[in-house]
Amino acid sequence: MIARSALIALVLAVALAGDVAANGRDVQREAIGHVVAVDPQQGTLVVERDVRGTRYRLTLRTRPDTPVFACTAERPSLDILRKGEAVSVYYEPMGRGALGNLVVVEPR
């Protein structure tokens, strides 16, 4: 578990090094949940997570170059995500939505 967390932290640091936060602040958050919906053409991802017994949905916009990491032979992009799949997403809050910076698909 520590090795996975360290790997994710390293990947996040490398992926975002030198970038200016899209929301104008140095705010980066993580949500761990399941995919509810994904639209690769629109670059959107909806993740549902459980916080203290209450379910919340987070709608993320992504850029075409947003990194997606998965332990599969498939090309990493939003195209590989399926409803119900476990993911960790790193994002910046932006108004009522969020900008996804990194998507990590949990092992199947």
PDB file of N, CA and C in Angstrom:
ATOM      1  N   MET A   1       0.825  -1.185   0.000  1.00  0.00           N
ATOM      2  CA  MET A   1       0.000   0.000   0.000  1.00  0.00           C
ATOM      3  C   MET A   1       0.873   1.253   0.000  1.00  0.00           C
ATOM      4  N   ILE A   2       1.960   1.246   0.773  1.00  0.00           N
ATOM      5  CA  ILE A   2       2.843   2.407   0.828  1.00  0.00           C
ATOM      6  C   ILE A   2       3.512   2.606  -0.526  1.00  0.00           C
ATOM      7  N   ALA A   3       3.918   1.507  -1.173  1.00  0.00           N
ATOM      8  CA  ALA A   3       4.574   1.610  -2.470  1.00  0.00           C
ATOM      9  C   ALA A   3       3.626   2.207  -3.503  1.00  0.00           C
ATOM     10  N   ARG A   4       2.348   1.811  -3.486  1.00  0.00           N
ATOM     11  CA  ARG A   4       1.361   2.349  -4.418  1.00  0.00           C
ATOM     12  C   ARG A   4       1.168   3.830  -4.181  1.00  0.00           C
ATOM     13  N   SER A   5       1.051   4.245  -2.935  1.00  0.00           N
ATOM     14  CA  SER A   5       0.871   5.657  -2.607  1.00  0.00           C
ATOM     15  C   SER A   5       2.088   6.474  -3.030  1.00  0.00           C
ATOM     16  N   ALA A   6       3.264   5.929  -2.812  1.00  0.00           N
ATOM     17  CA  ALA A   6       4.490   6.623  -3.205  1.00  0.00           C
ATOM     18  C   ALA A   6       4.562   6.753  -4.724  1.00  0.00           C
ATOM     19  N   LEU A   7       4.174   5.693  -5.438  1.00  0.00           N
ATOM     20  CA  LEU A   7       4.179   5.730  -6.893  1.00  0.00           C
ATOM     21  C   LEU A   7       3.201   6.776  -7.410  1.00  0.00           C
ATOM     22  N   ILE A   8       2.011   6.807  -6.850  1.00  0.00           N
ATOM     23  CA  ILE A   8       1.007   7.789  -7.272  1.00  0.00           C
ATOM     24  C   ILE A   8       1.497   9.202  -6.991  1.00  0.00           C
ATOM     25  N   ALA A   9       2.096   9.415  -5.824  1.00  0.00           N
ATOM     26  CA  ALA A   9       2.618  10.739  -5.481  1.00  0.00           C
ATOM     27  C   ALA A   9       3.717  11.155  -6.455  1.00  0.00           C
ATOM     28  N   LEU A  10       4.580  10.226  -6.810  1.00  0.00           N
ATOM     29  CA  LEU A  10       5.655  10.521  -7.751  1.00  0.00           C
ATOM     30  C   LEU A  10       5.093  10.852  -9.128  1.00  0.00           C
ATOM     31  N   VAL A  11       4.164  10.047  -9.599  1.00  0.00           N
ATOM     32  CA  VAL A  11       3.555  10.275 -10.905  1.00  0.00           C
ATOM     33  C   VAL A  11       2.848  11.627 -10.916  1.00  0.00           C
ATOM     34  N   LEU A  12       2.129  11.932  -9.859  1.00  0.00           N
ATOM     35  CA  LEU A  12       1.428  13.206  -9.758  1.00  0.00           C
ATOM     36  C   LEU A  12       2.411  14.365  -9.780  1.00  0.00           C
ATOM     37  N   ALA A  13       3.494  14.240  -9.046  1.00  0.00           N
ATOM     38  CA  ALA A  13       4.496  15.311  -8.995  1.00  0.00           C
ATOM     39  C   ALA A  13       5.118  15.536 -10.364  1.00  0.00           C
ATOM     40  N   VAL A  14       5.434  14.456 -11.074  1.00  0.00           N
ATOM     41  CA  VAL A  14       6.038  14.570 -12.399  1.00  0.00           C
ATOM     42  C   VAL A  14       5.025  15.117 -13.401  1.00  0.00           C
ATOM     43  N   ALA A  15       3.795  14.628 -13.345  1.00  0.00           N
ATOM     44  CA  ALA A  15       2.775  15.041 -14.307  1.00  0.00           C
ATOM     45  C   ALA A  15       2.421  16.513 -14.165  1.00  0.00           C
ATOM     46  N   LEU A  16       2.490  17.032 -12.959  1.00  0.00           N
ATOM     47  CA  LEU A  16       2.052  18.398 -12.717  1.00  0.00           C
ATOM     48  C   LEU A  16       3.189  19.375 -12.467  1.00  0.00           C
ATOM     49  N   ALA A  17       4.411  18.916 -12.555  1.00  0.00           N
ATOM     50  CA  ALA A  17       5.554  19.789 -12.266  1.00  0.00           C
ATOM     51  C   ALA A  17       5.555  20.994 -13.186  1.00  0.00           C
ATOM     52  N   GLY A  18       5.636  22.168 -12.588  1.00  0.00           N
ATOM     53  CA  GLY A  18       5.735  23.393 -13.344  1.00  0.00           C
ATOM     54  C   GLY A  18       4.421  23.938 -13.865  1.00  0.00           C
ATOM     55  N   ASP A  19       3.329  23.212 -13.727  1.00  0.00           N
ATOM     56  CA  ASP A  19       2.041  23.698 -14.203  1.00  0.00           C
ATOM     57  C   ASP A  19       1.452  24.707 -13.237  1.00  0.00           C
ATOM     58  N   VAL A  20       0.748  25.670 -13.786  1.00  0.00           N
ATOM     59  CA  VAL A  20       0.006  26.619 -12.960  1.00  0.00           C
ATOM     60  C   VAL A  20      -1.383  26.034 -12.794  1.00  0.00           C
ATOM     61  N   ALA A  21      -1.880  26.052 -11.576  1.00  0.00           N
ATOM     62  CA  ALA A  21      -3.198  25.505 -11.307  1.00  0.00           C
ATOM     63  C   ALA A  21      -4.240  26.241 -12.139  1.00  0.00           C
ATOM     64  N   ALA A  22      -5.153  25.494 -12.742  1.00  0.00           N
ATOM     65  CA  ALA A  22      -6.171  26.084 -13.609  1.00  0.00           C
ATOM     66  C   ALA A  22      -7.122  26.985 -12.824  1.00  0.00           C
ATOM     67  N   ASN A  23      -7.277  26.712 -11.537  1.00  0.00           N
ATOM     68  CA  ASN A  23      -8.181  27.537 -10.733  1.00  0.00           C
ATOM     69  C   ASN A  23      -7.452  28.716 -10.094  1.00  0.00           C
ATOM     70  N   GLY A  24      -6.176  28.914 -10.458  1.00  0.00           N
ATOM     71  CA  GLY A  24      -5.420  30.050  -9.948  1.00  0.00           C
ATOM     72  C   GLY A  24      -4.861  29.869  -8.551  1.00  0.00           C
ATOM     73  N   ARG A  25      -5.038  28.694  -7.979  1.00  0.00           N
ATOM     74  CA  ARG A  25      -4.529  28.401  -6.644  1.00  0.00           C
ATOM     75  C   ARG A  25      -3.747  27.097  -6.690  1.00  0.00           C
ATOM     76  N   ASP A  26      -3.009  26.841  -5.634  1.00  0.00           N
ATOM     77  CA  ASP A  26      -2.269  25.585  -5.542  1.00  0.00           C
ATOM     78  C   ASP A  26      -3.095  24.556  -4.781  1.00  0.00           C
ATOM     79  N   VAL A  27      -4.269  24.257  -5.277  1.00  0.00           N
ATOM     80  CA  VAL A  27      -5.173  23.319  -4.621  1.00  0.00           C
ATOM     81  C   VAL A  27      -5.278  22.066  -5.480  1.00  0.00           C
ATOM     82  N   GLN A  28      -4.953  20.953  -4.890  1.00  0.00           N
ATOM     83  CA  GLN A  28      -5.053  19.665  -5.564  1.00  0.00           C
ATOM     84  C   GLN A  28      -5.740  18.727  -4.596  1.00  0.00           C
ATOM     85  N   ARG A  29      -6.788  18.063  -5.016  1.00  0.00           N
ATOM     86  CA  ARG A  29      -7.526  17.141  -4.154  1.00  0.00           C
ATOM     87  C   ARG A  29      -7.593  15.775  -4.807  1.00  0.00           C
ATOM     88  N   GLU A  30      -7.905  14.783  -3.973  1.00  0.00           N
ATOM     89  CA  GLU A  30      -8.055  13.411  -4.468  1.00  0.00           C
ATOM     90  C   GLU A  30      -9.426  12.901  -4.088  1.00  0.00           C
ATOM     91  N   ALA A  31     -10.049  12.184  -4.991  1.00  0.00           N
ATOM     92  CA  ALA A  31     -11.309  11.497  -4.707  1.00  0.00           C
ATOM     93  C   ALA A  31     -11.132  10.049  -5.149  1.00  0.00           C
ATOM     94  N   ILE A  32     -11.529   9.146  -4.279  1.00  0.00           N
ATOM     95  CA  ILE A  32     -11.475   7.715  -4.588  1.00  0.00           C
ATOM     96  C   ILE A  32     -12.912   7.233  -4.662  1.00  0.00           C
ATOM     97  N   GLY A  33     -13.283   6.672  -5.782  1.00  0.00           N
ATOM     98  CA  GLY A  33     -14.658   6.230  -5.951  1.00  0.00           C
ATOM     99  C   GLY A  33     -14.797   5.318  -7.148  1.00  0.00           C
ATOM    100  N   HIS A  34     -16.020   5.308  -7.698  1.00  0.00           N
ATOM    101  CA  HIS A  34     -16.332   4.453  -8.843  1.00  0.00           C
ATOM    102  C   HIS A  34     -16.874   5.303  -9.983  1.00  0.00           C
ATOM    103  N   VAL A  35     -16.566   4.875 -11.188  1.00  0.00           N
ATOM    104  CA  VAL A  35     -17.045   5.578 -12.374  1.00  0.00           C
ATOM    105  C   VAL A  35     -18.556   5.394 -12.495  1.00  0.00           C
ATOM    106  N   VAL A  36     -19.270   6.515 -12.635  1.00  0.00           N
ATOM    107  CA  VAL A  36     -20.707   6.485 -12.868  1.00  0.00           C
ATOM    108  C   VAL A  36     -20.975   6.679 -14.356  1.00  0.00           C
ATOM    109  N   ALA A  37     -20.237   7.593 -14.965  1.00  0.00           N
ATOM    110  CA  ALA A  37     -20.381   7.857 -16.393  1.00  0.00           C
ATOM    111  C   ALA A  37     -19.068   8.408 -16.928  1.00  0.00           C
ATOM    112  N   VAL A  38     -18.819   8.138 -18.190  1.00  0.00           N
ATOM    113  CA  VAL A  38     -17.626   8.671 -18.852  1.00  0.00           C
ATOM    114  C   VAL A  38     -17.985   8.991 -20.297  1.00  0.00           C
ATOM    115  N   ASP A  39     -17.537  10.137 -20.771  1.00  0.00           N
ATOM    116  CA  ASP A  39     -17.737  10.539 -22.161  1.00  0.00           C
ATOM    117  C   ASP A  39     -16.394  11.014 -22.706  1.00  0.00           C
ATOM    118  N   PRO A  40     -15.636  10.104 -23.324  1.00  0.00           N
ATOM    119  CA  PRO A  40     -14.306  10.467 -23.821  1.00  0.00           C
ATOM    120  C   PRO A  40     -14.333  11.595 -24.858  1.00  0.00           C
ATOM    121  N   GLN A  41     -15.367  11.639 -25.697  1.00  0.00           N
ATOM    122  CA  GLN A  41     -15.438  12.680 -26.719  1.00  0.00           C
ATOM    123  C   GLN A  41     -15.602  14.069 -26.092  1.00  0.00           C
ATOM    124  N   GLN A  42     -16.375  14.178 -25.032  1.00  0.00           N
ATOM    125  CA  GLN A  42     -16.582  15.447 -24.337  1.00  0.00           C
ATOM    126  C   GLN A  42     -15.516  15.699 -23.276  1.00  0.00           C
ATOM    127  N   GLY A  43     -14.752  14.649 -22.925  1.00  0.00           N
ATOM    128  CA  GLY A  43     -13.714  14.786 -21.908  1.00  0.00           C
ATOM    129  C   GLY A  43     -14.292  14.937 -20.509  1.00  0.00           C
ATOM    130  N   THR A  44     -15.389  14.221 -20.235  1.00  0.00           N
ATOM    131  CA  THR A  44     -16.002  14.301 -18.908  1.00  0.00           C
ATOM    132  C   THR A  44     -16.018  12.931 -18.235  1.00  0.00           C
ATOM    133  N   LEU A  45     -15.962  12.978 -16.928  1.00  0.00           N
ATOM    134  CA  LEU A  45     -15.946  11.779 -16.093  1.00  0.00           C
ATOM    135  C   LEU A  45     -16.753  12.085 -14.839  1.00  0.00           C
ATOM    136  N   VAL A  46     -17.699  11.213 -14.486  1.00  0.00           N
ATOM    137  CA  VAL A  46     -18.480  11.364 -13.264  1.00  0.00           C
ATOM    138  C   VAL A  46     -18.085  10.237 -12.326  1.00  0.00           C
ATOM    139  N   VAL A  47     -17.629  10.611 -11.122  1.00  0.00           N
ATOM    140  CA  VAL A  47     -17.179   9.646 -10.123  1.00  0.00           C
ATOM    141  C   VAL A  47     -18.085   9.769  -8.902  1.00  0.00           C
ATOM    142  N   GLU A  48     -18.525   8.625  -8.388  1.00  0.00           N
ATOM    143  CA  GLU A  48     -19.329   8.608  -7.166  1.00  0.00           C
ATOM    144  C   GLU A  48     -18.458   8.099  -6.031  1.00  0.00           C
ATOM    145  N   ARG A  49     -18.512   8.811  -4.904  1.00  0.00           N
ATOM    146  CA  ARG A  49     -17.715   8.414  -3.739  1.00  0.00           C
ATOM    147  C   ARG A  49     -18.579   8.453  -2.505  1.00  0.00           C
ATOM    148  N   ASP A  50     -18.184   7.685  -1.514  1.00  0.00           N
ATOM    149  CA  ASP A  50     -18.920   7.580  -0.262  1.00  0.00           C
ATOM    150  C   ASP A  50     -18.119   8.287   0.825  1.00  0.00           C
ATOM    151  N   VAL A  51     -18.712   9.289   1.453  1.00  0.00           N
ATOM    152  CA  VAL A  51     -18.065  10.031   2.531  1.00  0.00           C
ATOM    153  C   VAL A  51     -18.960   9.954   3.759  1.00  0.00           C
ATOM    154  N   ARG A  52     -18.490   9.213   4.757  1.00  0.00           N
ATOM    155  CA  ARG A  52     -19.220   9.050   6.018  1.00  0.00           C
ATOM    156  C   ARG A  52     -20.677   8.622   5.808  1.00  0.00           C
ATOM    157  N   GLY A  53     -20.871   7.677   4.903  1.00  0.00           N
ATOM    158  CA  GLY A  53     -22.199   7.130   4.666  1.00  0.00           C
ATOM    159  C   GLY A  53     -23.055   7.906   3.682  1.00  0.00           C
ATOM    160  N   THR A  54     -22.573   9.016   3.163  1.00  0.00           N
ATOM    161  CA  THR A  54     -23.311   9.802   2.182  1.00  0.00           C
ATOM    162  C   THR A  54     -22.599   9.714   0.840  1.00  0.00           C
ATOM    163  N   ARG A  55     -23.367   9.470  -0.210  1.00  0.00           N
ATOM    164  CA  ARG A  55     -22.779   9.364  -1.542  1.00  0.00           C
ATOM    165  C   ARG A  55     -22.784  10.717  -2.235  1.00  0.00           C
ATOM    166  N   TYR A  56     -21.649  11.030  -2.831  1.00  0.00           N
ATOM    167  CA  TYR A  56     -21.482  12.276  -3.573  1.00  0.00           C
ATOM    168  C   TYR A  56     -21.017  11.955  -4.976  1.00  0.00           C
ATOM    169  N   ARG A  57     -21.470  12.765  -5.928  1.00  0.00           N
ATOM    170  CA  ARG A  57     -21.010  12.631  -7.308  1.00  0.00           C
ATOM    171  C   ARG A  57     -20.164  13.842  -7.665  1.00  0.00           C
ATOM    172  N   LEU A  58     -19.056  13.580  -8.302  1.00  0.00           N
ATOM    173  CA  LEU A  58     -18.128  14.610  -8.730  1.00  0.00           C
ATOM    174  C   LEU A  58     -18.004  14.531 -10.241  1.00  0.00           C
ATOM    175  N   THR A  59     -18.345  15.621 -10.917  1.00  0.00           N
ATOM    176  CA  THR A  59     -18.223  15.686 -12.368  1.00  0.00           C
ATOM    177  C   THR A  59     -16.927  16.397 -12.710  1.00  0.00           C
ATOM    178  N   LEU A  60     -16.079  15.717 -13.463  1.00  0.00           N
ATOM    179  CA  LEU A  60     -14.770  16.252 -13.822  1.00  0.00           C
ATOM    180  C   LEU A  60     -14.692  16.514 -15.316  1.00  0.00           C
ATOM    181  N   ARG A  61     -14.135  17.642 -15.669  1.00  0.00           N
ATOM    182  CA  ARG A  61     -13.759  17.910 -17.054  1.00  0.00           C
ATOM    183  C   ARG A  61     -12.289  17.553 -17.173  1.00  0.00           C
ATOM    184  N   THR A  62     -11.903  17.019 -18.302  1.00  0.00           N
ATOM    185  CA  THR A  62     -10.495  16.685 -18.513  1.00  0.00           C
ATOM    186  C   THR A  62     -10.040  17.284 -19.837  1.00  0.00           C
ATOM    187  N   ARG A  63      -8.751  17.511 -19.928  1.00  0.00           N
ATOM    188  CA  ARG A  63      -8.152  17.962 -21.179  1.00  0.00           C
ATOM    189  C   ARG A  63      -7.746  16.721 -21.980  1.00  0.00           C
ATOM    190  N   PRO A  64      -7.561  16.859 -23.274  1.00  0.00           N
ATOM    191  CA  PRO A  64      -7.135  15.701 -24.074  1.00  0.00           C
ATOM    192  C   PRO A  64      -5.815  15.104 -23.589  1.00  0.00           C
ATOM    193  N   ASP A  65      -4.960  15.916 -22.973  1.00  0.00           N
ATOM    194  CA  ASP A  65      -3.664  15.411 -22.509  1.00  0.00           C
ATOM    195  C   ASP A  65      -3.655  15.026 -21.026  1.00  0.00           C
ATOM    196  N   THR A  66      -4.834  14.932 -20.390  1.00  0.00           N
ATOM    197  CA  THR A  66      -4.894  14.518 -18.989  1.00  0.00           C
ATOM    198  C   THR A  66      -4.385  13.082 -18.874  1.00  0.00           C
ATOM    199  N   PRO A  67      -3.375  12.842 -18.028  1.00  0.00           N
ATOM    200  CA  PRO A  67      -2.838  11.482 -17.901  1.00  0.00           C
ATOM    201  C   PRO A  67      -3.843  10.511 -17.282  1.00  0.00           C
ATOM    202  N   VAL A  68      -3.922   9.329 -17.856  1.00  0.00           N
ATOM    203  CA  VAL A  68      -4.712   8.224 -17.318  1.00  0.00           C
ATOM    204  C   VAL A  68      -3.751   7.055 -17.173  1.00  0.00           C
ATOM    205  N   PHE A  69      -3.629   6.528 -15.958  1.00  0.00           N
ATOM    206  CA  PHE A  69      -2.718   5.415 -15.701  1.00  0.00           C
ATOM    207  C   PHE A  69      -3.516   4.174 -15.351  1.00  0.00           C
ATOM    208  N   ALA A  70      -3.147   3.053 -15.959  1.00  0.00           N
ATOM    209  CA  ALA A  70      -3.802   1.783 -15.681  1.00  0.00           C
ATOM    210  C   ALA A  70      -2.813   0.654 -15.921  1.00  0.00           C
ATOM    211  N   CYS A  71      -2.961  -0.418 -15.180  1.00  0.00           N
ATOM    212  CA  CYS A  71      -2.105  -1.593 -15.340  1.00  0.00           C
ATOM    213  C   CYS A  71      -2.752  -2.533 -16.353  1.00  0.00           C
ATOM    214  N   THR A  72      -2.845  -2.075 -17.596  1.00  0.00           N
ATOM    215  CA  THR A  72      -3.417  -2.878 -18.668  1.00  0.00           C
ATOM    216  C   THR A  72      -2.586  -2.671 -19.914  1.00  0.00           C
ATOM    217  N   ALA A  73      -2.839  -3.495 -20.892  1.00  0.00           N
ATOM    218  CA  ALA A  73      -2.140  -3.362 -22.163  1.00  0.00           C
ATOM    219  C   ALA A  73      -2.825  -2.332 -23.055  1.00  0.00           C
ATOM    220  N   GLU A  74      -4.018  -1.880 -22.633  1.00  0.00           N
ATOM    221  CA  GLU A  74      -4.768  -0.920 -23.437  1.00  0.00           C
ATOM    222  C   GLU A  74      -4.131   0.465 -23.381  1.00  0.00           C
ATOM    223  N   ARG A  75      -4.443   1.262 -24.387  1.00  0.00           N
ATOM    224  CA  ARG A  75      -3.963   2.640 -24.438  1.00  0.00           C
ATOM    225  C   ARG A  75      -4.620   3.429 -23.304  1.00  0.00           C
ATOM    226  N   PRO A  76      -3.839   4.096 -22.467  1.00  0.00           N
ATOM    227  CA  PRO A  76      -4.427   4.813 -21.338  1.00  0.00           C
ATOM    228  C   PRO A  76      -5.103   6.117 -21.767  1.00  0.00           C
ATOM    229  N   SER A  77      -6.419   6.171 -21.648  1.00  0.00           N
ATOM    230  CA  SER A  77      -7.212   7.361 -21.908  1.00  0.00           C
ATOM    231  C   SER A  77      -8.580   7.140 -21.283  1.00  0.00           C
ATOM    232  N   LEU A  78      -9.445   8.120 -21.363  1.00  0.00           N
ATOM    233  CA  LEU A  78     -10.795   7.954 -20.816  1.00  0.00           C
ATOM    234  C   LEU A  78     -11.542   6.822 -21.510  1.00  0.00           C
ATOM    235  N   ASP A  79     -11.109   6.460 -22.722  1.00  0.00           N
ATOM    236  CA  ASP A  79     -11.762   5.384 -23.482  1.00  0.00           C
ATOM    237  C   ASP A  79     -11.756   4.047 -22.747  1.00  0.00           C
ATOM    238  N   ILE A  80     -10.768   3.805 -21.879  1.00  0.00           N
ATOM    239  CA  ILE A  80     -10.669   2.503 -21.226  1.00  0.00           C
ATOM    240  C   ILE A  80     -11.543   2.402 -19.982  1.00  0.00           C
ATOM    241  N   LEU A  81     -12.120   3.528 -19.513  1.00  0.00           N
ATOM    242  CA  LEU A  81     -12.918   3.514 -18.293  1.00  0.00           C
ATOM    243  C   LEU A  81     -14.298   2.933 -18.549  1.00  0.00           C
ATOM    244  N   ARG A  82     -14.777   2.174 -17.576  1.00  0.00           N
ATOM    245  CA  ARG A  82     -16.097   1.560 -17.654  1.00  0.00           C
ATOM    246  C   ARG A  82     -16.887   1.900 -16.393  1.00  0.00           C
ATOM    247  N   LYS A  83     -18.197   1.940 -16.534  1.00  0.00           N
ATOM    248  CA  LYS A  83     -19.081   2.212 -15.404  1.00  0.00           C
ATOM    249  C   LYS A  83     -18.822   1.196 -14.297  1.00  0.00           C
ATOM    250  N   GLY A  84     -18.708   1.680 -13.057  1.00  0.00           N
ATOM    251  CA  GLY A  84     -18.477   0.817 -11.910  1.00  0.00           C
ATOM    252  C   GLY A  84     -17.019   0.573 -11.591  1.00  0.00           C
ATOM    253  N   GLU A  85     -16.120   1.012 -12.465  1.00  0.00           N
ATOM    254  CA  GLU A  85     -14.695   0.794 -12.265  1.00  0.00           C
ATOM    255  C   GLU A  85     -14.164   1.671 -11.133  1.00  0.00           C
ATOM    256  N   ALA A  86     -13.276   1.113 -10.307  1.00  0.00           N
ATOM    257  CA  ALA A  86     -12.682   1.863  -9.198  1.00  0.00           C
ATOM    258  C   ALA A  86     -11.562   2.753  -9.728  1.00  0.00           C
ATOM    259  N   VAL A  87     -11.593   4.034  -9.338  1.00  0.00           N
ATOM    260  CA  VAL A  87     -10.586   4.993  -9.780  1.00  0.00           C
ATOM    261  C   VAL A  87     -10.196   5.920  -8.638  1.00  0.00           C
ATOM    262  N   SER A  88      -9.010   6.474  -8.747  1.00  0.00           N
ATOM    263  CA  SER A  88      -8.576   7.598  -7.924  1.00  0.00           C
ATOM    264  C   SER A  88      -8.402   8.748  -8.892  1.00  0.00           C
ATOM    265  N   VAL A  89      -8.987   9.888  -8.567  1.00  0.00           N
ATOM    266  CA  VAL A  89      -8.861  11.051  -9.439  1.00  0.00           C
ATOM    267  C   VAL A  89      -8.251  12.200  -8.657  1.00  0.00           C
ATOM    268  N   TYR A  90      -7.376  12.915  -9.295  1.00  0.00           N
ATOM    269  CA  TYR A  90      -6.764  14.097  -8.711  1.00  0.00           C
ATOM    270  C   TYR A  90      -7.304  15.282  -9.494  1.00  0.00           C
ATOM    271  N   TYR A  91      -7.810  16.282  -8.779  1.00  0.00           N
ATOM    272  CA  TYR A  91      -8.517  17.356  -9.454  1.00  0.00           C
ATOM    273  C   TYR A  91      -8.353  18.680  -8.729  1.00  0.00           C
ATOM    274  N   GLU A  92      -8.755  19.746  -9.435  1.00  0.00           N
ATOM    275  CA  GLU A  92      -8.795  21.081  -8.877  1.00  0.00           C
ATOM    276  C   GLU A  92     -10.254  21.521  -8.856  1.00  0.00           C
ATOM    277  N   PRO A  93     -10.757  21.960  -7.696  1.00  0.00           N
ATOM    278  CA  PRO A  93     -12.127  22.477  -7.663  1.00  0.00           C
ATOM    279  C   PRO A  93     -12.214  23.759  -8.500  1.00  0.00           C
ATOM    280  N   MET A  94     -13.282  23.863  -9.277  1.00  0.00           N
ATOM    281  CA  MET A  94     -13.498  25.045 -10.108  1.00  0.00           C
ATOM    282  C   MET A  94     -14.984  25.369 -10.097  1.00  0.00           C
ATOM    283  N   GLY A  95     -15.370  26.311  -9.263  1.00  0.00           N
ATOM    284  CA  GLY A  95     -16.791  26.652  -9.167  1.00  0.00           C
ATOM    285  C   GLY A  95     -17.579  25.457  -8.679  1.00  0.00           C
ATOM    286  N   ARG A  96     -18.616  25.090  -9.418  1.00  0.00           N
ATOM    287  CA  ARG A  96     -19.445  23.942  -9.046  1.00  0.00           C
ATOM    288  C   ARG A  96     -18.922  22.637  -9.622  1.00  0.00           C
ATOM    289  N   GLY A  97     -17.865  22.705 -10.432  1.00  0.00           N
ATOM    290  CA  GLY A  97     -17.304  21.521 -11.050  1.00  0.00           C
ATOM    291  C   GLY A  97     -15.863  21.324 -10.640  1.00  0.00           C
ATOM    292  N   ALA A  98     -15.145  20.598 -11.456  1.00  0.00           N
ATOM    293  CA  ALA A  98     -13.745  20.323 -11.151  1.00  0.00           C
ATOM    294  C   ALA A  98     -13.002  20.035 -12.452  1.00  0.00           C
ATOM    295  N   LEU A  99     -11.710  20.298 -12.430  1.00  0.00           N
ATOM    296  CA  LEU A  99     -10.838  19.997 -13.560  1.00  0.00           C
ATOM    297  C   LEU A  99      -9.968  18.813 -13.174  1.00  0.00           C
ATOM    298  N   GLY A 100     -10.138  17.691 -13.869  1.00  0.00           N
ATOM    299  CA  GLY A 100      -9.350  16.494 -13.581  1.00  0.00           C
ATOM    300  C   GLY A 100      -7.943  16.632 -14.124  1.00  0.00           C
ATOM    301  N   ASN A 101      -6.959  16.346 -13.280  1.00  0.00           N
ATOM    302  CA  ASN A 101      -5.556  16.430 -13.680  1.00  0.00           C
ATOM    303  C   ASN A 101      -4.923  15.070 -13.903  1.00  0.00           C
ATOM    304  N   LEU A 102      -5.436  14.054 -13.221  1.00  0.00           N
ATOM    305  CA  LEU A 102      -4.848  12.721 -13.297  1.00  0.00           C
ATOM    306  C   LEU A 102      -5.915  11.708 -12.906  1.00  0.00           C
ATOM    307  N   VAL A 103      -6.011  10.626 -13.663  1.00  0.00           N
ATOM    308  CA  VAL A 103      -6.944   9.532 -13.368  1.00  0.00           C
ATOM    309  C   VAL A 103      -6.121   8.262 -13.227  1.00  0.00           C
ATOM    310  N   VAL A 104      -6.263   7.569 -12.093  1.00  0.00           N
ATOM    311  CA  VAL A 104      -5.576   6.302 -11.867  1.00  0.00           C
ATOM    312  C   VAL A 104      -6.637   5.222 -11.745  1.00  0.00           C
ATOM    313  N   VAL A 105      -6.599   4.247 -12.656  1.00  0.00           N
ATOM    314  CA  VAL A 105      -7.550   3.137 -12.635  1.00  0.00           C
ATOM    315  C   VAL A 105      -7.010   2.102 -11.664  1.00  0.00           C
ATOM    316  N   GLU A 106      -7.820   1.742 -10.676  1.00  0.00           N
ATOM    317  CA  GLU A 106      -7.409   0.755  -9.691  1.00  0.00           C
ATOM    318  C   GLU A 106      -7.335  -0.618 -10.351  1.00  0.00           C
ATOM    319  N   PRO A 107      -6.436  -1.495  -9.885  1.00  0.00           N
ATOM    320  CA  PRO A 107      -6.315  -2.832 -10.483  1.00  0.00           C
ATOM    321  C   PRO A 107      -7.642  -3.579 -10.484  1.00  0.00           C
ATOM    322  N   ARG A 108      -7.881  -4.263 -11.602  1.00  0.00           N
ATOM    323  CA  ARG A 108      -9.147  -5.007 -11.747  1.00  0.00           C
ATOM    324  C   ARG A 108      -9.059  -6.335 -11.079  1.00  0.00           C
TER     325      ARG A 108
END
